[in-house]
Amino acid sequence: MERMGVRELREQLGRRVDAAHFRDDVTVVEKSGEPRAVLVPYSWWMETTGGETPAAD
């Protein structure tokens, strides 16, 4: 699991998406040093949620 700030993630998004897909890496996204989101492999998401997609706000 890797932690990175929003600014760093913007610069590395493609690499982090590939890392999630090909290596099952998880990335915790922080803003002002506080965890705000998690980038997880799609396969993990599907297994965990049963394919449910959250409703858009």
PDB file of N, CA and C in Angstrom:
ATOM      1  N   MET A   1       0.860  -1.177   0.000  1.00  0.00           N
ATOM      2  CA  MET A   1       0.000   0.000   0.000  1.00  0.00           C
ATOM      3  C   MET A   1       0.897   1.227   0.000  1.00  0.00           C
ATOM      4  N   GLU A   2       0.568   2.158  -0.829  1.00  0.00           N
ATOM      5  CA  GLU A   2       1.323   3.406  -0.911  1.00  0.00           C
ATOM      6  C   GLU A   2       0.403   4.567  -0.556  1.00  0.00           C
ATOM      7  N   ARG A   3       0.964   5.564   0.084  1.00  0.00           N
ATOM      8  CA  ARG A   3       0.224   6.782   0.412  1.00  0.00           C
ATOM      9  C   ARG A   3       0.831   7.915  -0.404  1.00  0.00           C
ATOM     10  N   MET A   4      -0.018   8.755  -0.975  1.00  0.00           N
ATOM     11  CA  MET A   4       0.499   9.911  -1.706  1.00  0.00           C
ATOM     12  C   MET A   4      -0.517  11.035  -1.699  1.00  0.00           C
ATOM     13  N   GLY A   5       0.010  12.232  -1.821  1.00  0.00           N
ATOM     14  CA  GLY A   5      -0.827  13.411  -1.859  1.00  0.00           C
ATOM     15  C   GLY A   5      -1.494  13.575  -3.213  1.00  0.00           C
ATOM     16  N   VAL A   6      -2.499  14.401  -3.239  1.00  0.00           N
ATOM     17  CA  VAL A   6      -3.264  14.639  -4.467  1.00  0.00           C
ATOM     18  C   VAL A   6      -2.355  15.153  -5.576  1.00  0.00           C
ATOM     19  N   ARG A   7      -1.497  16.076  -5.259  1.00  0.00           N
ATOM     20  CA  ARG A   7      -0.611  16.653  -6.283  1.00  0.00           C
ATOM     21  C   ARG A   7       0.293  15.582  -6.892  1.00  0.00           C
ATOM     22  N   GLU A   8       0.878  14.753  -6.047  1.00  0.00           N
ATOM     23  CA  GLU A   8       1.741  13.679  -6.537  1.00  0.00           C
ATOM     24  C   GLU A   8       0.932  12.673  -7.365  1.00  0.00           C
ATOM     25  N   LEU A   9      -0.280  12.368  -6.922  1.00  0.00           N
ATOM     26  CA  LEU A   9      -1.124  11.427  -7.661  1.00  0.00           C
ATOM     27  C   LEU A   9      -1.443  11.960  -9.050  1.00  0.00           C
ATOM     28  N   ARG A  10      -1.700  13.247  -9.163  1.00  0.00           N
ATOM     29  CA  ARG A  10      -1.971  13.831 -10.489  1.00  0.00           C
ATOM     30  C   ARG A  10      -0.839  13.532 -11.451  1.00  0.00           C
ATOM     31  N   GLU A  11       0.394  13.622 -10.951  1.00  0.00           N
ATOM     32  CA  GLU A  11       1.570  13.396 -11.794  1.00  0.00           C
ATOM     33  C   GLU A  11       1.769  11.919 -12.125  1.00  0.00           C
ATOM     34  N   GLN A  12       1.259  11.028 -11.275  1.00  0.00           N
ATOM     35  CA  GLN A  12       1.525   9.603 -11.427  1.00  0.00           C
ATOM     36  C   GLN A  12       0.264   8.763 -11.637  1.00  0.00           C
ATOM     37  N   LEU A  13      -0.841   9.381 -11.982  1.00  0.00           N
ATOM     38  CA  LEU A  13      -2.106   8.660 -12.028  1.00  0.00           C
ATOM     39  C   LEU A  13      -2.052   7.434 -12.937  1.00  0.00           C
ATOM     40  N   GLY A  14      -1.547   7.583 -14.132  1.00  0.00           N
ATOM     41  CA  GLY A  14      -1.471   6.446 -15.055  1.00  0.00           C
ATOM     42  C   GLY A  14      -0.677   5.296 -14.471  1.00  0.00           C
ATOM     43  N   ARG A  15       0.445   5.599 -13.839  1.00  0.00           N
ATOM     44  CA  ARG A  15       1.268   4.557 -13.227  1.00  0.00           C
ATOM     45  C   ARG A  15       0.567   3.892 -12.057  1.00  0.00           C
ATOM     46  N   ARG A  16      -0.151   4.677 -11.258  1.00  0.00           N
ATOM     47  CA  ARG A  16      -0.838   4.105 -10.099  1.00  0.00           C
ATOM     48  C   ARG A  16      -2.021   3.236 -10.540  1.00  0.00           C
ATOM     49  N   VAL A  17      -2.710   3.642 -11.609  1.00  0.00           N
ATOM     50  CA  VAL A  17      -3.803   2.823 -12.146  1.00  0.00           C
ATOM     51  C   VAL A  17      -3.237   1.500 -12.657  1.00  0.00           C
ATOM     52  N   ASP A  18      -2.124   1.547 -13.380  1.00  0.00           N
ATOM     53  CA  ASP A  18      -1.492   0.311 -13.854  1.00  0.00           C
ATOM     54  C   ASP A  18      -1.038  -0.547 -12.676  1.00  0.00           C
ATOM     55  N   ALA A  19      -0.490   0.065 -11.647  1.00  0.00           N
ATOM     56  CA  ALA A  19      -0.043  -0.683 -10.461  1.00  0.00           C
ATOM     57  C   ALA A  19      -1.229  -1.373  -9.791  1.00  0.00           C
ATOM     58  N   ALA A  20      -2.358  -0.702  -9.731  1.00  0.00           N
ATOM     59  CA  ALA A  20      -3.554  -1.318  -9.152  1.00  0.00           C
ATOM     60  C   ALA A  20      -3.998  -2.503  -9.999  1.00  0.00           C
ATOM     61  N   HIS A  21      -4.017  -2.318 -11.292  1.00  0.00           N
ATOM     62  CA  HIS A  21      -4.508  -3.364 -12.189  1.00  0.00           C
ATOM     63  C   HIS A  21      -3.555  -4.557 -12.278  1.00  0.00           C
ATOM     64  N   PHE A  22      -2.279  -4.299 -12.525  1.00  0.00           N
ATOM     65  CA  PHE A  22      -1.335  -5.380 -12.797  1.00  0.00           C
ATOM     66  C   PHE A  22      -0.698  -5.977 -11.540  1.00  0.00           C
ATOM     67  N   ARG A  23      -0.568  -5.187 -10.468  1.00  0.00           N
ATOM     68  CA  ARG A  23       0.113  -5.685  -9.263  1.00  0.00           C
ATOM     69  C   ARG A  23      -0.787  -5.705  -8.033  1.00  0.00           C
ATOM     70  N   ASP A  24      -2.065  -5.373  -8.217  1.00  0.00           N
ATOM     71  CA  ASP A  24      -3.009  -5.323  -7.092  1.00  0.00           C
ATOM     72  C   ASP A  24      -2.569  -4.352  -6.000  1.00  0.00           C
ATOM     73  N   ASP A  25      -1.869  -3.287  -6.383  1.00  0.00           N
ATOM     74  CA  ASP A  25      -1.447  -2.263  -5.422  1.00  0.00           C
ATOM     75  C   ASP A  25      -2.633  -1.397  -5.016  1.00  0.00           C
ATOM     76  N   VAL A  26      -2.591  -0.931  -3.792  1.00  0.00           N
ATOM     77  CA  VAL A  26      -3.598  -0.022  -3.249  1.00  0.00           C
ATOM     78  C   VAL A  26      -2.901   1.299  -2.963  1.00  0.00           C
ATOM     79  N   THR A  27      -3.543   2.408  -3.316  1.00  0.00           N
ATOM     80  CA  THR A  27      -2.986   3.737  -3.057  1.00  0.00           C
ATOM     81  C   THR A  27      -3.964   4.527  -2.210  1.00  0.00           C
ATOM     82  N   VAL A  28      -3.483   5.007  -1.072  1.00  0.00           N
ATOM     83  CA  VAL A  28      -4.272   5.887  -0.216  1.00  0.00           C
ATOM     84  C   VAL A  28      -3.956   7.316  -0.649  1.00  0.00           C
ATOM     85  N   VAL A  29      -4.981   8.067  -0.979  1.00  0.00           N
ATOM     86  CA  VAL A  29      -4.824   9.437  -1.454  1.00  0.00           C
ATOM     87  C   VAL A  29      -5.062  10.375  -0.283  1.00  0.00           C
ATOM     88  N   GLU A  30      -4.092  11.258  -0.048  1.00  0.00           N
ATOM     89  CA  GLU A  30      -4.174  12.197   1.070  1.00  0.00           C
ATOM     90  C   GLU A  30      -4.292  13.627   0.571  1.00  0.00           C
ATOM     91  N   LYS A  31      -4.969  14.433   1.364  1.00  0.00           N
ATOM     92  CA  LYS A  31      -5.051  15.868   1.106  1.00  0.00           C
ATOM     93  C   LYS A  31      -4.738  16.554   2.420  1.00  0.00           C
ATOM     94  N   SER A  32      -3.765  17.416   2.412  1.00  0.00           N
ATOM     95  CA  SER A  32      -3.292  18.081   3.627  1.00  0.00           C
ATOM     96  C   SER A  32      -2.892  17.058   4.693  1.00  0.00           C
ATOM     97  N   GLY A  33      -2.300  15.935   4.240  1.00  0.00           N
ATOM     98  CA  GLY A  33      -1.823  14.908   5.147  1.00  0.00           C
ATOM     99  C   GLY A  33      -2.897  14.004   5.727  1.00  0.00           C
ATOM    100  N   GLU A  34      -4.143  14.182   5.293  1.00  0.00           N
ATOM    101  CA  GLU A  34      -5.260  13.387   5.820  1.00  0.00           C
ATOM    102  C   GLU A  34      -5.785  12.456   4.728  1.00  0.00           C
ATOM    103  N   PRO A  35      -5.985  11.160   5.050  1.00  0.00           N
ATOM    104  CA  PRO A  35      -6.518  10.237   4.050  1.00  0.00           C
ATOM    105  C   PRO A  35      -7.902  10.688   3.577  1.00  0.00           C
ATOM    106  N   ARG A  36      -8.097  10.697   2.252  1.00  0.00           N
ATOM    107  CA  ARG A  36      -9.366  11.146   1.682  1.00  0.00           C
ATOM    108  C   ARG A  36     -10.005  10.129   0.752  1.00  0.00           C
ATOM    109  N   ALA A  37      -9.194   9.281   0.109  1.00  0.00           N
ATOM    110  CA  ALA A  37      -9.724   8.314  -0.852  1.00  0.00           C
ATOM    111  C   ALA A  37      -8.745   7.157  -0.989  1.00  0.00           C
ATOM    112  N   VAL A  38      -9.214   6.091  -1.631  1.00  0.00           N
ATOM    113  CA  VAL A  38      -8.367   4.919  -1.867  1.00  0.00           C
ATOM    114  C   VAL A  38      -8.558   4.456  -3.307  1.00  0.00           C
ATOM    115  N   LEU A  39      -7.451   4.249  -3.998  1.00  0.00           N
ATOM    116  CA  LEU A  39      -7.456   3.693  -5.348  1.00  0.00           C
ATOM    117  C   LEU A  39      -7.177   2.201  -5.202  1.00  0.00           C
ATOM    118  N   VAL A  40      -8.149   1.373  -5.588  1.00  0.00           N
ATOM    119  CA  VAL A  40      -8.029  -0.077  -5.428  1.00  0.00           C
ATOM    120  C   VAL A  40      -8.180  -0.750  -6.789  1.00  0.00           C
ATOM    121  N   PRO A  41      -7.697  -1.987  -6.918  1.00  0.00           N
ATOM    122  CA  PRO A  41      -7.890  -2.715  -8.171  1.00  0.00           C
ATOM    123  C   PRO A  41      -9.380  -2.927  -8.461  1.00  0.00           C
ATOM    124  N   TYR A  42      -9.739  -2.850  -9.718  1.00  0.00           N
ATOM    125  CA  TYR A  42     -11.134  -3.043 -10.121  1.00  0.00           C
ATOM    126  C   TYR A  42     -11.624  -4.431  -9.721  1.00  0.00           C
ATOM    127  N   SER A  43     -10.764  -5.430  -9.858  1.00  0.00           N
ATOM    128  CA  SER A  43     -11.165  -6.798  -9.489  1.00  0.00           C
ATOM    129  C   SER A  43     -11.530  -6.872  -8.004  1.00  0.00           C
ATOM    130  N   TRP A  44     -10.790  -6.181  -7.167  1.00  0.00           N
ATOM    131  CA  TRP A  44     -11.094  -6.147  -5.732  1.00  0.00           C
ATOM    132  C   TRP A  44     -12.450  -5.479  -5.513  1.00  0.00           C
ATOM    133  N   TRP A  45     -12.674  -4.371  -6.206  1.00  0.00           N
ATOM    134  CA  TRP A  45     -13.943  -3.640  -6.078  1.00  0.00           C
ATOM    135  C   TRP A  45     -15.120  -4.542  -6.445  1.00  0.00           C
ATOM    136  N   MET A  46     -15.003  -5.237  -7.568  1.00  0.00           N
ATOM    137  CA  MET A  46     -16.091  -6.102  -8.025  1.00  0.00           C
ATOM    138  C   MET A  46     -16.355  -7.236  -7.028  1.00  0.00           C
ATOM    139  N   GLU A  47     -15.309  -7.840  -6.514  1.00  0.00           N
ATOM    140  CA  GLU A  47     -15.474  -8.922  -5.541  1.00  0.00           C
ATOM    141  C   GLU A  47     -16.092  -8.406  -4.251  1.00  0.00           C
ATOM    142  N   THR A  48     -15.666  -7.251  -3.812  1.00  0.00           N
ATOM    143  CA  THR A  48     -16.105  -6.700  -2.531  1.00  0.00           C
ATOM    144  C   THR A  48     -17.530  -6.178  -2.580  1.00  0.00           C
ATOM    145  N   THR A  49     -17.906  -5.547  -3.680  1.00  0.00           N
ATOM    146  CA  THR A  49     -19.217  -4.917  -3.775  1.00  0.00           C
ATOM    147  C   THR A  49     -20.237  -5.763  -4.523  1.00  0.00           C
ATOM    148  N   GLY A  50     -19.788  -6.840  -5.122  1.00  0.00           N
ATOM    149  CA  GLY A  50     -20.696  -7.653  -5.933  1.00  0.00           C
ATOM    150  C   GLY A  50     -21.094  -6.937  -7.209  1.00  0.00           C
ATOM    151  N   GLY A  51     -20.274  -5.992  -7.652  1.00  0.00           N
ATOM    152  CA  GLY A  51     -20.561  -5.277  -8.888  1.00  0.00           C
ATOM    153  C   GLY A  51     -21.429  -4.050  -8.701  1.00  0.00           C
ATOM    154  N   GLU A  52     -21.781  -3.745  -7.463  1.00  0.00           N
ATOM    155  CA  GLU A  52     -22.612  -2.559  -7.197  1.00  0.00           C
ATOM    156  C   GLU A  52     -21.809  -1.289  -7.450  1.00  0.00           C
ATOM    157  N   THR A  53     -22.413  -0.335  -8.095  1.00  0.00           N
ATOM    158  CA  THR A  53     -21.806   0.959  -8.332  1.00  0.00           C
ATOM    159  C   THR A  53     -22.531   1.987  -7.490  1.00  0.00           C
ATOM    160  N   PRO A  54     -21.788   2.790  -6.727  1.00  0.00           N
ATOM    161  CA  PRO A  54     -22.470   3.790  -5.904  1.00  0.00           C
ATOM    162  C   PRO A  54     -23.230   4.801  -6.756  1.00  0.00           C
ATOM    163  N   ALA A  55     -24.333   5.274  -6.248  1.00  0.00           N
ATOM    164  CA  ALA A  55     -25.133   6.285  -6.956  1.00  0.00           C
ATOM    165  C   ALA A  55     -24.360   7.583  -7.036  1.00  0.00           C
ATOM    166  N   ALA A  56     -24.480   8.260  -8.166  1.00  0.00           N
ATOM    167  CA  ALA A  56     -23.836   9.560  -8.327  1.00  0.00           C
ATOM    168  C   ALA A  56     -24.567  10.600  -7.499  1.00  0.00           C
ATOM    169  N   ASP A  57     -23.817  11.535  -6.985  1.00  0.00           N
ATOM    170  CA  ASP A  57     -24.430  12.618  -6.189  1.00  0.00           C
ATOM    171  C   ASP A  57     -25.126  13.623  -7.072  1.00  0.00           C
TER     172      ASP A  57
END
